[in-house]
Amino acid sequence: MEGDIKTGDSEAMAVVHPIILVLDNLRSAYNVGNIFRLAEVCRLEKIVTCGYTATPPHPKLQKTARGCDRIVPFEHYETASDAILELKAAGYFTVAVETVRNAAHIWDADLRFPVAFVFGNEALGIAESTLEYCDSVACLPVFGSKNSLNVSNCAAAIVYSSIQRTYTTRDLSA
């Protein structure tokens, strides 16, 4: 189909989206590896791991990252707050992705690029003290009885929704 982005499309691969993913105290190295794959497939700027989030090299992360942990740039910070402060100083709009009251649905959220999305612990979410450093809070709309989605699946939905706002398939393949 004309206008589709294809695997290995050199023009699409030249694009690096101004998106950073901040992973704060994620428990599952498998989720982290999956997020590295997402970052590579979507050509994101980098990943920032914080706290006890698995950071390359890590055997469980490597299993799901399938080599993307060697391709995607990453940094590690002891705290997400430190990472957020540095990203804001560098001009990034910071968005906590969390299921808190008054969080805007990602479809309606105010996004400014470059953007850094902050994802928290799978069970505990993002600490209130960390939320205070972010410029805004967004969530995925939930239509079922559960209030959240697996963090790596959530990251994929957030990233693709964000990319869709700034690029169309026509923009990338023209």
N, C-alpha and C. Protein backbone atom coordinates (compact mmCIF):
# COMPACT_ATOMS: atom_id res chain seq x y z
N MET A 1 0.84 -1.17 0.00
CA MET A 1 0.00 0.00 0.00
C MET A 1 0.89 1.24 0.00
N GLU A 2 0.60 2.18 -0.86
CA GLU A 2 1.41 3.39 -0.97
C GLU A 2 1.31 4.20 0.32
N GLY A 3 2.44 4.76 0.75
CA GLY A 3 2.47 5.58 1.95
C GLY A 3 2.74 4.82 3.22
N ASP A 4 2.77 3.50 3.15
CA ASP A 4 3.05 2.71 4.35
C ASP A 4 4.53 2.82 4.70
N ILE A 5 4.81 2.75 5.98
CA ILE A 5 6.19 2.67 6.45
C ILE A 5 6.57 1.21 6.47
N LYS A 6 7.67 0.88 5.88
CA LYS A 6 8.10 -0.51 5.78
C LYS A 6 9.30 -0.75 6.67
N THR A 7 9.48 -1.99 7.09
CA THR A 7 10.63 -2.37 7.86
C THR A 7 11.90 -2.01 7.10
N GLY A 8 12.81 -1.33 7.77
CA GLY A 8 14.08 -0.99 7.15
C GLY A 8 14.00 0.20 6.21
N ASP A 9 12.86 0.90 6.16
CA ASP A 9 12.70 2.09 5.32
C ASP A 9 13.75 3.11 5.75
N SER A 10 14.67 3.44 4.86
CA SER A 10 15.80 4.30 5.23
C SER A 10 15.37 5.69 5.66
N GLU A 11 14.32 6.25 5.06
CA GLU A 11 13.86 7.57 5.47
C GLU A 11 13.24 7.52 6.86
N ALA A 12 12.43 6.50 7.13
CA ALA A 12 11.84 6.36 8.45
C ALA A 12 12.93 6.12 9.49
N MET A 13 13.96 5.37 9.12
CA MET A 13 15.04 5.06 10.07
C MET A 13 15.91 6.29 10.35
N ALA A 14 15.84 7.30 9.50
CA ALA A 14 16.62 8.51 9.72
C ALA A 14 16.00 9.39 10.81
N VAL A 15 14.73 9.15 11.11
CA VAL A 15 14.02 9.94 12.11
C VAL A 15 14.37 9.42 13.50
N VAL A 16 14.77 10.31 14.40
CA VAL A 16 14.90 9.97 15.81
C VAL A 16 13.88 10.84 16.52
N HIS A 17 12.88 10.19 17.09
CA HIS A 17 11.82 10.93 17.74
C HIS A 17 12.32 11.54 19.05
N PRO A 18 11.98 12.80 19.31
CA PRO A 18 12.45 13.49 20.51
C PRO A 18 11.69 13.05 21.76
N ILE A 19 11.80 11.76 22.04
CA ILE A 19 11.09 11.14 23.17
C ILE A 19 12.10 10.34 23.99
N ILE A 20 12.07 10.57 25.29
CA ILE A 20 12.89 9.80 26.24
C ILE A 20 11.95 9.09 27.19
N LEU A 21 12.27 7.85 27.52
CA LEU A 21 11.48 7.08 28.48
C LEU A 21 12.27 6.96 29.78
N VAL A 22 11.68 7.43 30.87
CA VAL A 22 12.29 7.36 32.19
C VAL A 22 11.61 6.23 32.94
N LEU A 23 12.38 5.24 33.36
CA LEU A 23 11.85 4.05 34.02
C LEU A 23 12.25 4.09 35.49
N ASP A 24 11.29 4.32 36.36
CA ASP A 24 11.56 4.53 37.78
C ASP A 24 11.23 3.29 38.61
N ASN A 25 12.26 2.63 39.07
CA ASN A 25 12.11 1.47 39.96
C ASN A 25 11.20 0.38 39.40
N LEU A 26 11.39 0.05 38.12
CA LEU A 26 10.62 -1.06 37.55
C LEU A 26 11.15 -2.36 38.12
N ARG A 27 10.25 -3.25 38.52
CA ARG A 27 10.64 -4.51 39.16
C ARG A 27 11.07 -5.56 38.15
N SER A 28 10.45 -5.56 36.98
CA SER A 28 10.66 -6.64 36.03
C SER A 28 11.69 -6.28 34.96
N ALA A 29 12.80 -7.00 34.97
CA ALA A 29 13.80 -6.81 33.93
C ALA A 29 13.24 -7.17 32.56
N TYR A 30 12.27 -8.09 32.53
CA TYR A 30 11.64 -8.45 31.26
C TYR A 30 10.85 -7.27 30.68
N ASN A 31 10.14 -6.55 31.53
CA ASN A 31 9.45 -5.34 31.07
C ASN A 31 10.44 -4.32 30.53
N VAL A 32 11.55 -4.16 31.22
CA VAL A 32 12.57 -3.20 30.78
C VAL A 32 13.12 -3.61 29.41
N GLY A 33 13.39 -4.90 29.23
CA GLY A 33 13.88 -5.37 27.93
C GLY A 33 12.88 -5.10 26.83
N ASN A 34 11.60 -5.32 27.14
CA ASN A 34 10.55 -5.05 26.16
C ASN A 34 10.51 -3.57 25.81
N ILE A 35 10.73 -2.70 26.78
CA ILE A 35 10.73 -1.26 26.53
C ILE A 35 11.95 -0.87 25.70
N PHE A 36 13.07 -1.54 25.86
CA PHE A 36 14.22 -1.29 24.98
C PHE A 36 13.86 -1.64 23.54
N ARG A 37 13.13 -2.73 23.34
CA ARG A 37 12.68 -3.08 21.97
C ARG A 37 11.77 -2.01 21.41
N LEU A 38 10.85 -1.53 22.22
CA LEU A 38 9.96 -0.45 21.80
C LEU A 38 10.76 0.78 21.39
N ALA A 39 11.74 1.16 22.21
CA ALA A 39 12.55 2.35 21.92
C ALA A 39 13.31 2.20 20.61
N GLU A 40 13.78 1.00 20.33
CA GLU A 40 14.51 0.79 19.07
C GLU A 40 13.56 0.83 17.88
N VAL A 41 12.45 0.13 17.98
CA VAL A 41 11.49 0.07 16.88
C VAL A 41 10.95 1.46 16.55
N CYS A 42 10.74 2.27 17.57
CA CYS A 42 10.18 3.61 17.36
C CYS A 42 11.25 4.69 17.20
N ARG A 43 12.51 4.29 17.25
CA ARG A 43 13.63 5.24 17.09
C ARG A 43 13.52 6.39 18.09
N LEU A 44 13.43 6.03 19.38
CA LEU A 44 13.37 7.03 20.43
C LEU A 44 14.78 7.49 20.78
N GLU A 45 14.87 8.63 21.39
CA GLU A 45 16.16 9.22 21.70
C GLU A 45 16.98 8.38 22.67
N LYS A 46 16.36 8.01 23.80
CA LYS A 46 17.07 7.16 24.77
C LYS A 46 16.13 6.70 25.87
N ILE A 47 16.68 5.84 26.71
CA ILE A 47 16.00 5.36 27.91
C ILE A 47 16.82 5.80 29.10
N VAL A 48 16.12 6.20 30.16
CA VAL A 48 16.78 6.54 31.42
C VAL A 48 16.24 5.58 32.47
N THR A 49 17.13 4.79 33.06
CA THR A 49 16.73 3.89 34.13
C THR A 49 17.03 4.57 35.46
N CYS A 50 16.19 4.32 36.45
CA CYS A 50 16.35 4.96 37.76
C CYS A 50 16.15 3.94 38.87
N GLY A 51 16.86 4.18 39.98
CA GLY A 51 16.71 3.32 41.14
C GLY A 51 17.15 1.91 40.84
N TYR A 52 16.31 0.93 41.20
CA TYR A 52 16.69 -0.48 41.00
C TYR A 52 16.21 -1.06 39.67
N THR A 53 15.78 -0.21 38.75
CA THR A 53 15.41 -0.68 37.41
C THR A 53 16.60 -1.38 36.77
N ALA A 54 16.38 -2.54 36.19
CA ALA A 54 17.46 -3.27 35.51
C ALA A 54 18.05 -2.39 34.41
N THR A 55 19.37 -2.38 34.34
CA THR A 55 20.11 -1.58 33.36
C THR A 55 21.09 -2.50 32.65
N PRO A 56 21.26 -2.33 31.35
CA PRO A 56 22.23 -3.19 30.64
C PRO A 56 23.63 -3.06 31.22
N PRO A 57 24.39 -4.14 31.21
CA PRO A 57 24.00 -5.49 30.81
C PRO A 57 23.28 -6.22 31.94
N HIS A 58 22.23 -6.91 31.61
CA HIS A 58 21.45 -7.67 32.59
C HIS A 58 20.84 -8.85 31.84
N PRO A 59 21.06 -10.09 32.30
CA PRO A 59 20.64 -11.26 31.53
C PRO A 59 19.14 -11.34 31.24
N LYS A 60 18.29 -11.00 32.19
CA LYS A 60 16.84 -11.07 31.94
C LYS A 60 16.40 -9.96 30.98
N LEU A 61 16.98 -8.81 31.12
CA LEU A 61 16.70 -7.70 30.21
C LEU A 61 17.12 -8.08 28.79
N GLN A 62 18.30 -8.67 28.67
CA GLN A 62 18.83 -9.05 27.35
C GLN A 62 17.91 -10.05 26.65
N LYS A 63 17.28 -10.93 27.43
CA LYS A 63 16.42 -11.96 26.85
C LYS A 63 15.26 -11.34 26.07
N THR A 64 14.61 -10.34 26.64
CA THR A 64 13.47 -9.72 25.96
C THR A 64 13.89 -8.56 25.06
N ALA A 65 15.01 -7.93 25.33
CA ALA A 65 15.47 -6.81 24.49
C ALA A 65 15.96 -7.29 23.13
N ARG A 66 16.40 -8.54 23.05
CA ARG A 66 16.83 -9.15 21.79
C ARG A 66 17.83 -8.28 21.03
N GLY A 67 18.81 -7.76 21.76
CA GLY A 67 19.88 -6.98 21.14
C GLY A 67 19.65 -5.48 21.15
N CYS A 68 18.43 -5.05 21.44
CA CYS A 68 18.13 -3.61 21.43
C CYS A 68 18.82 -2.88 22.58
N ASP A 69 19.18 -3.61 23.63
CA ASP A 69 19.91 -3.01 24.75
C ASP A 69 21.33 -2.60 24.34
N ARG A 70 21.79 -3.11 23.20
CA ARG A 70 23.11 -2.72 22.68
C ARG A 70 23.00 -1.60 21.64
N ILE A 71 21.78 -1.26 21.25
CA ILE A 71 21.56 -0.26 20.20
C ILE A 71 21.02 1.04 20.78
N VAL A 72 20.06 0.94 21.69
CA VAL A 72 19.38 2.12 22.23
C VAL A 72 20.26 2.79 23.29
N PRO A 73 20.51 4.10 23.15
CA PRO A 73 21.27 4.81 24.18
C PRO A 73 20.51 4.79 25.51
N PHE A 74 21.25 4.72 26.60
CA PHE A 74 20.62 4.73 27.92
C PHE A 74 21.54 5.39 28.93
N GLU A 75 20.93 5.86 30.01
CA GLU A 75 21.65 6.42 31.15
C GLU A 75 20.98 5.89 32.41
N HIS A 76 21.71 5.93 33.51
CA HIS A 76 21.14 5.52 34.79
C HIS A 76 21.30 6.64 35.80
N TYR A 77 20.25 6.87 36.58
CA TYR A 77 20.25 7.83 37.68
C TYR A 77 19.82 7.10 38.94
N GLU A 78 20.32 7.54 40.06
CA GLU A 78 19.91 6.93 41.33
C GLU A 78 18.44 7.20 41.62
N THR A 79 17.96 8.41 41.27
CA THR A 79 16.55 8.73 41.50
C THR A 79 15.93 9.32 40.24
N ALA A 80 14.63 9.09 40.12
CA ALA A 80 13.90 9.68 38.99
C ALA A 80 13.86 11.19 39.12
N SER A 81 13.80 11.68 40.34
CA SER A 81 13.77 13.13 40.55
C SER A 81 15.01 13.79 39.96
N ASP A 82 16.18 13.19 40.20
CA ASP A 82 17.42 13.73 39.62
C ASP A 82 17.36 13.72 38.09
N ALA A 83 16.87 12.64 37.53
CA ALA A 83 16.76 12.53 36.07
C ALA A 83 15.80 13.58 35.52
N ILE A 84 14.65 13.73 36.16
CA ILE A 84 13.65 14.68 35.70
C ILE A 84 14.18 16.10 35.75
N LEU A 85 14.85 16.45 36.82
CA LEU A 85 15.42 17.81 36.93
C LEU A 85 16.42 18.09 35.81
N GLU A 86 17.27 17.11 35.50
CA GLU A 86 18.24 17.31 34.41
C GLU A 86 17.55 17.39 33.06
N LEU A 87 16.55 16.56 32.85
CA LEU A 87 15.83 16.60 31.57
C LEU A 87 15.09 17.93 31.40
N LYS A 88 14.48 18.43 32.46
CA LYS A 88 13.80 19.72 32.38
C LYS A 88 14.79 20.84 32.08
N ALA A 89 15.96 20.78 32.71
CA ALA A 89 16.98 21.80 32.47
C ALA A 89 17.47 21.76 31.02
N ALA A 90 17.38 20.58 30.41
CA ALA A 90 17.79 20.42 29.01
C ALA A 90 16.64 20.73 28.04
N GLY A 91 15.49 21.17 28.56
CA GLY A 91 14.39 21.59 27.71
C GLY A 91 13.31 20.55 27.44
N TYR A 92 13.33 19.43 28.16
CA TYR A 92 12.31 18.41 27.95
C TYR A 92 11.06 18.71 28.77
N PHE A 93 9.90 18.49 28.15
CA PHE A 93 8.62 18.55 28.84
C PHE A 93 8.44 17.18 29.48
N THR A 94 8.20 17.13 30.79
CA THR A 94 8.15 15.84 31.49
C THR A 94 6.71 15.47 31.83
N VAL A 95 6.36 14.25 31.46
CA VAL A 95 4.99 13.76 31.66
C VAL A 95 5.05 12.46 32.45
N ALA A 96 4.46 12.47 33.63
CA ALA A 96 4.31 11.24 34.40
C ALA A 96 3.15 10.46 33.80
N VAL A 97 3.33 9.17 33.61
CA VAL A 97 2.25 8.32 33.12
C VAL A 97 1.76 7.54 34.33
N GLU A 98 0.59 7.93 34.80
CA GLU A 98 0.11 7.40 36.07
C GLU A 98 -1.41 7.45 36.12
N THR A 99 -1.99 6.55 36.90
CA THR A 99 -3.45 6.47 37.01
C THR A 99 -3.93 7.23 38.24
N VAL A 100 -3.63 8.49 38.32
CA VAL A 100 -4.06 9.31 39.44
C VAL A 100 -5.25 10.17 39.02
N ARG A 101 -5.98 10.62 40.01
CA ARG A 101 -7.12 11.51 39.75
C ARG A 101 -6.60 12.75 39.01
N ASN A 102 -7.36 13.23 38.08
CA ASN A 102 -7.06 14.42 37.28
C ASN A 102 -5.96 14.23 36.24
N ALA A 103 -5.52 13.00 36.03
CA ALA A 103 -4.57 12.75 34.93
C ALA A 103 -5.35 12.86 33.62
N ALA A 104 -4.79 13.57 32.66
CA ALA A 104 -5.44 13.71 31.35
C ALA A 104 -5.23 12.43 30.55
N HIS A 105 -6.25 12.03 29.80
CA HIS A 105 -6.05 10.91 28.88
C HIS A 105 -4.98 11.31 27.88
N ILE A 106 -4.12 10.39 27.52
CA ILE A 106 -3.01 10.71 26.62
C ILE A 106 -3.51 11.36 25.34
N TRP A 107 -4.70 10.99 24.90
CA TRP A 107 -5.25 11.55 23.66
C TRP A 107 -5.53 13.04 23.81
N ASP A 108 -5.80 13.49 25.04
CA ASP A 108 -6.15 14.88 25.30
C ASP A 108 -5.04 15.65 26.02
N ALA A 109 -4.00 14.96 26.40
CA ALA A 109 -2.94 15.57 27.21
C ALA A 109 -2.18 16.63 26.43
N ASP A 110 -1.75 17.65 27.16
CA ASP A 110 -0.88 18.67 26.59
C ASP A 110 0.51 18.05 26.47
N LEU A 111 0.98 17.91 25.24
CA LEU A 111 2.33 17.36 25.00
C LEU A 111 3.15 18.39 24.27
N ARG A 112 4.36 18.55 24.71
CA ARG A 112 5.31 19.42 24.02
C ARG A 112 6.59 18.62 23.80
N PHE A 113 7.15 18.79 22.65
CA PHE A 113 8.36 18.05 22.30
C PHE A 113 9.56 18.98 22.35
N PRO A 114 10.70 18.47 22.80
CA PRO A 114 10.99 17.10 23.20
C PRO A 114 10.27 16.76 24.52
N VAL A 115 9.93 15.48 24.66
CA VAL A 115 9.18 15.03 25.82
C VAL A 115 9.88 13.85 26.48
N ALA A 116 9.76 13.79 27.80
CA ALA A 116 10.24 12.64 28.57
C ALA A 116 9.04 12.08 29.32
N PHE A 117 8.72 10.82 29.06
CA PHE A 117 7.63 10.14 29.77
C PHE A 117 8.22 9.36 30.93
N VAL A 118 7.63 9.50 32.10
CA VAL A 118 8.09 8.81 33.30
C VAL A 118 7.12 7.68 33.62
N PHE A 119 7.65 6.46 33.71
CA PHE A 119 6.86 5.27 34.04
C PHE A 119 7.35 4.73 35.38
N GLY A 120 6.41 4.36 36.25
CA GLY A 120 6.77 3.93 37.59
C GLY A 120 6.65 2.44 37.81
N ASN A 121 6.94 2.06 39.02
CA ASN A 121 6.90 0.68 39.48
C ASN A 121 5.57 0.03 39.15
N GLU A 122 5.64 -1.24 38.71
CA GLU A 122 4.46 -1.96 38.25
C GLU A 122 3.38 -2.09 39.34
N ALA A 123 3.76 -2.16 40.60
CA ALA A 123 2.78 -2.32 41.68
C ALA A 123 2.51 -1.02 42.41
N LEU A 124 3.52 -0.20 42.56
CA LEU A 124 3.40 1.00 43.40
C LEU A 124 3.20 2.29 42.61
N GLY A 125 3.45 2.25 41.32
CA GLY A 125 3.32 3.47 40.51
C GLY A 125 4.49 4.41 40.73
N ILE A 126 4.25 5.68 40.46
CA ILE A 126 5.27 6.72 40.61
C ILE A 126 5.06 7.37 41.97
N ALA A 127 6.14 7.54 42.72
CA ALA A 127 6.05 8.15 44.04
C ALA A 127 5.50 9.57 43.93
N GLU A 128 4.68 9.95 44.89
CA GLU A 128 4.08 11.30 44.92
C GLU A 128 5.16 12.38 44.83
N SER A 129 6.28 12.17 45.53
CA SER A 129 7.36 13.16 45.50
C SER A 129 7.96 13.30 44.09
N THR A 130 7.95 12.23 43.32
CA THR A 130 8.46 12.28 41.94
C THR A 130 7.43 12.95 41.02
N LEU A 131 6.16 12.68 41.24
CA LEU A 131 5.10 13.30 40.44
C LEU A 131 5.19 14.82 40.49
N GLU A 132 5.56 15.35 41.64
CA GLU A 132 5.63 16.80 41.81
C GLU A 132 6.66 17.46 40.91
N TYR A 133 7.65 16.72 40.46
CA TYR A 133 8.68 17.28 39.57
C TYR A 133 8.23 17.33 38.11
N CYS A 134 7.22 16.56 37.76
CA CYS A 134 6.79 16.46 36.37
C CYS A 134 5.92 17.65 35.97
N ASP A 135 5.98 18.00 34.68
CA ASP A 135 5.18 19.11 34.17
C ASP A 135 3.71 18.76 34.08
N SER A 136 3.39 17.51 33.80
CA SER A 136 2.00 17.09 33.73
C SER A 136 1.89 15.59 33.99
N VAL A 137 0.65 15.13 34.10
CA VAL A 137 0.38 13.72 34.33
C VAL A 137 -0.64 13.27 33.29
N ALA A 138 -0.36 12.14 32.65
CA ALA A 138 -1.26 11.58 31.64
C ALA A 138 -1.49 10.11 31.95
N CYS A 139 -2.56 9.58 31.41
CA CYS A 139 -2.87 8.16 31.59
C CYS A 139 -3.49 7.62 30.31
N LEU A 140 -3.58 6.32 30.24
CA LEU A 140 -4.33 5.69 29.16
C LEU A 140 -5.78 5.57 29.60
N PRO A 141 -6.73 5.83 28.71
CA PRO A 141 -8.12 5.59 29.07
C PRO A 141 -8.31 4.10 29.36
N VAL A 142 -9.10 3.78 30.37
CA VAL A 142 -9.35 2.40 30.75
C VAL A 142 -10.84 2.14 30.60
N PHE A 143 -11.17 1.08 29.89
CA PHE A 143 -12.57 0.77 29.63
C PHE A 143 -13.05 -0.48 30.37
N GLY A 144 -12.11 -1.25 30.93
CA GLY A 144 -12.46 -2.46 31.66
C GLY A 144 -12.49 -2.20 33.15
N SER A 145 -12.51 -3.28 33.93
CA SER A 145 -12.60 -3.14 35.38
C SER A 145 -11.24 -2.91 36.05
N LYS A 146 -10.16 -3.27 35.37
CA LYS A 146 -8.82 -3.02 35.92
C LYS A 146 -8.44 -1.57 35.64
N ASN A 147 -7.61 -0.97 36.50
CA ASN A 147 -7.30 0.45 36.30
C ASN A 147 -5.95 0.68 35.63
N SER A 148 -5.25 -0.40 35.25
CA SER A 148 -3.95 -0.18 34.62
C SER A 148 -3.60 -1.33 33.70
N LEU A 149 -2.53 -1.12 32.96
CA LEU A 149 -2.04 -2.07 31.96
C LEU A 149 -0.58 -2.36 32.28
N ASN A 150 -0.07 -3.49 31.87
CA ASN A 150 1.34 -3.81 32.02
C ASN A 150 2.18 -2.63 31.56
N VAL A 151 3.24 -2.30 32.30
CA VAL A 151 4.02 -1.09 32.03
C VAL A 151 4.62 -1.06 30.63
N SER A 152 5.08 -2.19 30.11
CA SER A 152 5.67 -2.16 28.76
C SER A 152 4.58 -2.00 27.70
N ASN A 153 3.41 -2.57 27.93
CA ASN A 153 2.29 -2.35 27.01
C ASN A 153 1.82 -0.91 27.07
N CYS A 154 1.76 -0.37 28.27
CA CYS A 154 1.37 1.03 28.44
C CYS A 154 2.36 1.95 27.72
N ALA A 155 3.65 1.68 27.89
CA ALA A 155 4.67 2.50 27.23
C ALA A 155 4.47 2.48 25.71
N ALA A 156 4.16 1.31 25.16
CA ALA A 156 3.95 1.21 23.72
C ALA A 156 2.77 2.07 23.28
N ALA A 157 1.66 2.00 24.00
CA ALA A 157 0.49 2.80 23.65
C ALA A 157 0.78 4.29 23.75
N ILE A 158 1.49 4.69 24.80
CA ILE A 158 1.84 6.11 24.99
C ILE A 158 2.75 6.58 23.87
N VAL A 159 3.78 5.81 23.57
CA VAL A 159 4.74 6.21 22.54
C VAL A 159 4.08 6.32 21.18
N TYR A 160 3.33 5.31 20.78
CA TYR A 160 2.69 5.36 19.46
C TYR A 160 1.67 6.50 19.37
N SER A 161 0.94 6.74 20.44
CA SER A 161 -0.02 7.84 20.45
C SER A 161 0.71 9.17 20.28
N SER A 162 1.85 9.30 20.94
CA SER A 162 2.63 10.54 20.86
C SER A 162 3.23 10.75 19.48
N ILE A 163 3.77 9.69 18.92
CA ILE A 163 4.34 9.79 17.57
C ILE A 163 3.25 10.15 16.57
N GLN A 164 2.09 9.56 16.72
CA GLN A 164 0.99 9.84 15.81
C GLN A 164 0.61 11.30 15.81
N ARG A 165 0.76 11.98 16.92
CA ARG A 165 0.43 13.40 17.00
C ARG A 165 1.36 14.27 16.15
N THR A 166 2.57 13.84 15.98
CA THR A 166 3.55 14.70 15.32
C THR A 166 3.91 14.26 13.91
N TYR A 167 3.65 13.01 13.59
CA TYR A 167 4.03 12.50 12.28
C TYR A 167 2.89 11.69 11.68
N THR A 168 2.78 11.73 10.40
CA THR A 168 1.84 10.83 9.72
C THR A 168 2.67 9.91 8.85
N THR A 169 2.06 8.83 8.40
CA THR A 169 2.82 7.94 7.52
C THR A 169 3.25 8.66 6.26
N ARG A 170 2.45 9.62 5.82
CA ARG A 170 2.82 10.40 4.64
C ARG A 170 4.06 11.25 4.92
N ASP A 171 4.16 11.84 6.12
CA ASP A 171 5.33 12.65 6.48
C ASP A 171 6.61 11.81 6.44
N LEU A 172 6.53 10.56 6.93
CA LEU A 172 7.73 9.74 7.05
C LEU A 172 8.13 9.07 5.75
N SER A 173 7.19 8.89 4.83
CA SER A 173 7.55 8.13 3.64
C SER A 173 7.53 8.97 2.37
N ALA A 174 7.25 10.26 2.50
CA ALA A 174 7.17 11.12 1.30
C ALA A 174 8.54 11.30 0.65
